[in-house]
Amino acid sequence: MDGPGLIRRDEAGRVVAVNLDLKNPAAKAAEDHRAPAEIVTSALAKEREVLALLEELRALVDEGPG
């Protein structure tokens, strides 16, 4: 990792930008080889789980402090 290369300075030496978009060099690229219909079905299932959790959360909020 090149620390000094992550910082961009102006003519006066002031920091004007810092690149924090570092990638893990050991990470493997994520590839999804499923069929499009399977990806959509999976996304819908996850969305249903999220909605169920939100409904539970709303019920707790509606109950108020116990």
C-alpha atoms as a PDB file:
ATOM      1  CA  MET A   1       0.000   0.000   0.000  1.00  0.00           C
ATOM      2  CA  ASP A   2       1.378   3.389  -1.011  1.00  0.00           C
ATOM      3  CA  GLY A   3       0.413   5.692   1.893  1.00  0.00           C
ATOM      4  CA  PRO A   4       1.719   8.965   0.441  1.00  0.00           C
ATOM      5  CA  GLY A   5       0.060   8.132  -2.887  1.00  0.00           C
ATOM      6  CA  LEU A   6      -3.325   8.143  -1.172  1.00  0.00           C
ATOM      7  CA  ILE A   7      -3.100  11.847  -0.292  1.00  0.00           C
ATOM      8  CA  ARG A   8      -3.437  14.623  -2.882  1.00  0.00           C
ATOM      9  CA  ARG A   9      -2.126  18.072  -1.958  1.00  0.00           C
ATOM     10  CA  ASP A  10      -2.420  21.482  -3.578  1.00  0.00           C
ATOM     11  CA  GLU A  11       0.462  23.813  -4.456  1.00  0.00           C
ATOM     12  CA  ALA A  12       0.639  25.065  -0.863  1.00  0.00           C
ATOM     13  CA  GLY A  13       0.963  21.525   0.472  1.00  0.00           C
ATOM     14  CA  ARG A  14      -2.558  21.431   1.929  1.00  0.00           C
ATOM     15  CA  VAL A  15      -4.427  18.162   1.757  1.00  0.00           C
ATOM     16  CA  VAL A  16      -7.226  18.485  -0.798  1.00  0.00           C
ATOM     17  CA  ALA A  17      -8.229  14.831  -1.176  1.00  0.00           C
ATOM     18  CA  VAL A  18      -7.619  11.445   0.372  1.00  0.00           C
ATOM     19  CA  ASN A  19      -8.382   8.249  -1.530  1.00  0.00           C
ATOM     20  CA  LEU A  20     -10.099   5.878   0.900  1.00  0.00           C
ATOM     21  CA  ASP A  21     -11.336   3.540  -1.840  1.00  0.00           C
ATOM     22  CA  LEU A  22      -8.851   0.803  -1.116  1.00  0.00           C
ATOM     23  CA  LYS A  23      -9.649  -2.710  -2.198  1.00  0.00           C
ATOM     24  CA  ASN A  24      -8.544  -5.854  -0.429  1.00  0.00           C
ATOM     25  CA  PRO A  25      -5.869  -7.288  -2.745  1.00  0.00           C
ATOM     26  CA  ALA A  26      -6.500 -10.792  -1.379  1.00  0.00           C
ATOM     27  CA  ALA A  27     -10.261 -10.648  -2.022  1.00  0.00           C
ATOM     28  CA  LYS A  28     -11.638 -12.756  -4.799  1.00  0.00           C
ATOM     29  CA  ALA A  29     -14.014 -11.204  -7.294  1.00  0.00           C
ATOM     30  CA  ALA A  30     -17.616 -12.020  -6.507  1.00  0.00           C
ATOM     31  CA  GLU A  31     -19.353 -13.613  -9.444  1.00  0.00           C
ATOM     32  CA  ASP A  32     -22.929 -14.790  -9.542  1.00  0.00           C
ATOM     33  CA  HIS A  33     -23.389 -17.662 -11.952  1.00  0.00           C
ATOM     34  CA  ARG A  34     -27.025 -18.324 -11.112  1.00  0.00           C
ATOM     35  CA  ALA A  35     -29.786 -18.056 -13.661  1.00  0.00           C
ATOM     36  CA  PRO A  36     -31.476 -14.627 -13.767  1.00  0.00           C
ATOM     37  CA  ALA A  37     -34.758 -16.099 -12.498  1.00  0.00           C
ATOM     38  CA  GLU A  38     -32.948 -17.614  -9.510  1.00  0.00           C
ATOM     39  CA  ILE A  39     -31.309 -14.277  -8.688  1.00  0.00           C
ATOM     40  CA  VAL A  40     -34.680 -12.513  -8.798  1.00  0.00           C
ATOM     41  CA  THR A  41     -36.313 -15.202  -6.643  1.00  0.00           C
ATOM     42  CA  SER A  42     -33.520 -14.906  -4.095  1.00  0.00           C
ATOM     43  CA  ALA A  43     -33.758 -11.102  -4.046  1.00  0.00           C
ATOM     44  CA  LEU A  44     -37.519 -11.285  -3.483  1.00  0.00           C
ATOM     45  CA  ALA A  45     -37.078 -13.748  -0.622  1.00  0.00           C
ATOM     46  CA  LYS A  46     -34.544 -11.452   1.050  1.00  0.00           C
ATOM     47  CA  GLU A  47     -36.842  -8.478   0.551  1.00  0.00           C
ATOM     48  CA  ARG A  48     -39.692 -10.397   2.225  1.00  0.00           C
ATOM     49  CA  GLU A  49     -37.411 -11.104   5.202  1.00  0.00           C
ATOM     50  CA  VAL A  50     -36.537  -7.415   5.460  1.00  0.00           C
ATOM     51  CA  LEU A  51     -40.204  -6.421   5.274  1.00  0.00           C
ATOM     52  CA  ALA A  52     -41.108  -8.922   8.004  1.00  0.00           C
ATOM     53  CA  LEU A  53     -38.412  -7.471  10.255  1.00  0.00           C
ATOM     54  CA  LEU A  54     -39.629  -3.950   9.557  1.00  0.00           C
ATOM     55  CA  GLU A  55     -43.182  -4.989  10.454  1.00  0.00           C
ATOM     56  CA  GLU A  56     -41.904  -6.406  13.759  1.00  0.00           C
ATOM     57  CA  LEU A  57     -39.995  -3.212  14.408  1.00  0.00           C
ATOM     58  CA  ARG A  58     -43.035  -1.081  13.646  1.00  0.00           C
ATOM     59  CA  ALA A  59     -45.136  -3.169  16.060  1.00  0.00           C
ATOM     60  CA  LEU A  60     -42.545  -2.604  18.785  1.00  0.00           C
ATOM     61  CA  VAL A  61     -42.447   1.123  18.107  1.00  0.00           C
ATOM     62  CA  ASP A  62     -46.257   1.308  18.114  1.00  0.00           C
ATOM     63  CA  GLU A  63     -46.303  -0.390  21.538  1.00  0.00           C
ATOM     64  CA  GLY A  64     -44.166   2.410  22.896  1.00  0.00           C
ATOM     65  CA  PRO A  65     -42.040   2.242  26.032  1.00  0.00           C
ATOM     66  CA  GLY A  66     -42.971  -0.742  28.114  1.00  0.00           C
END
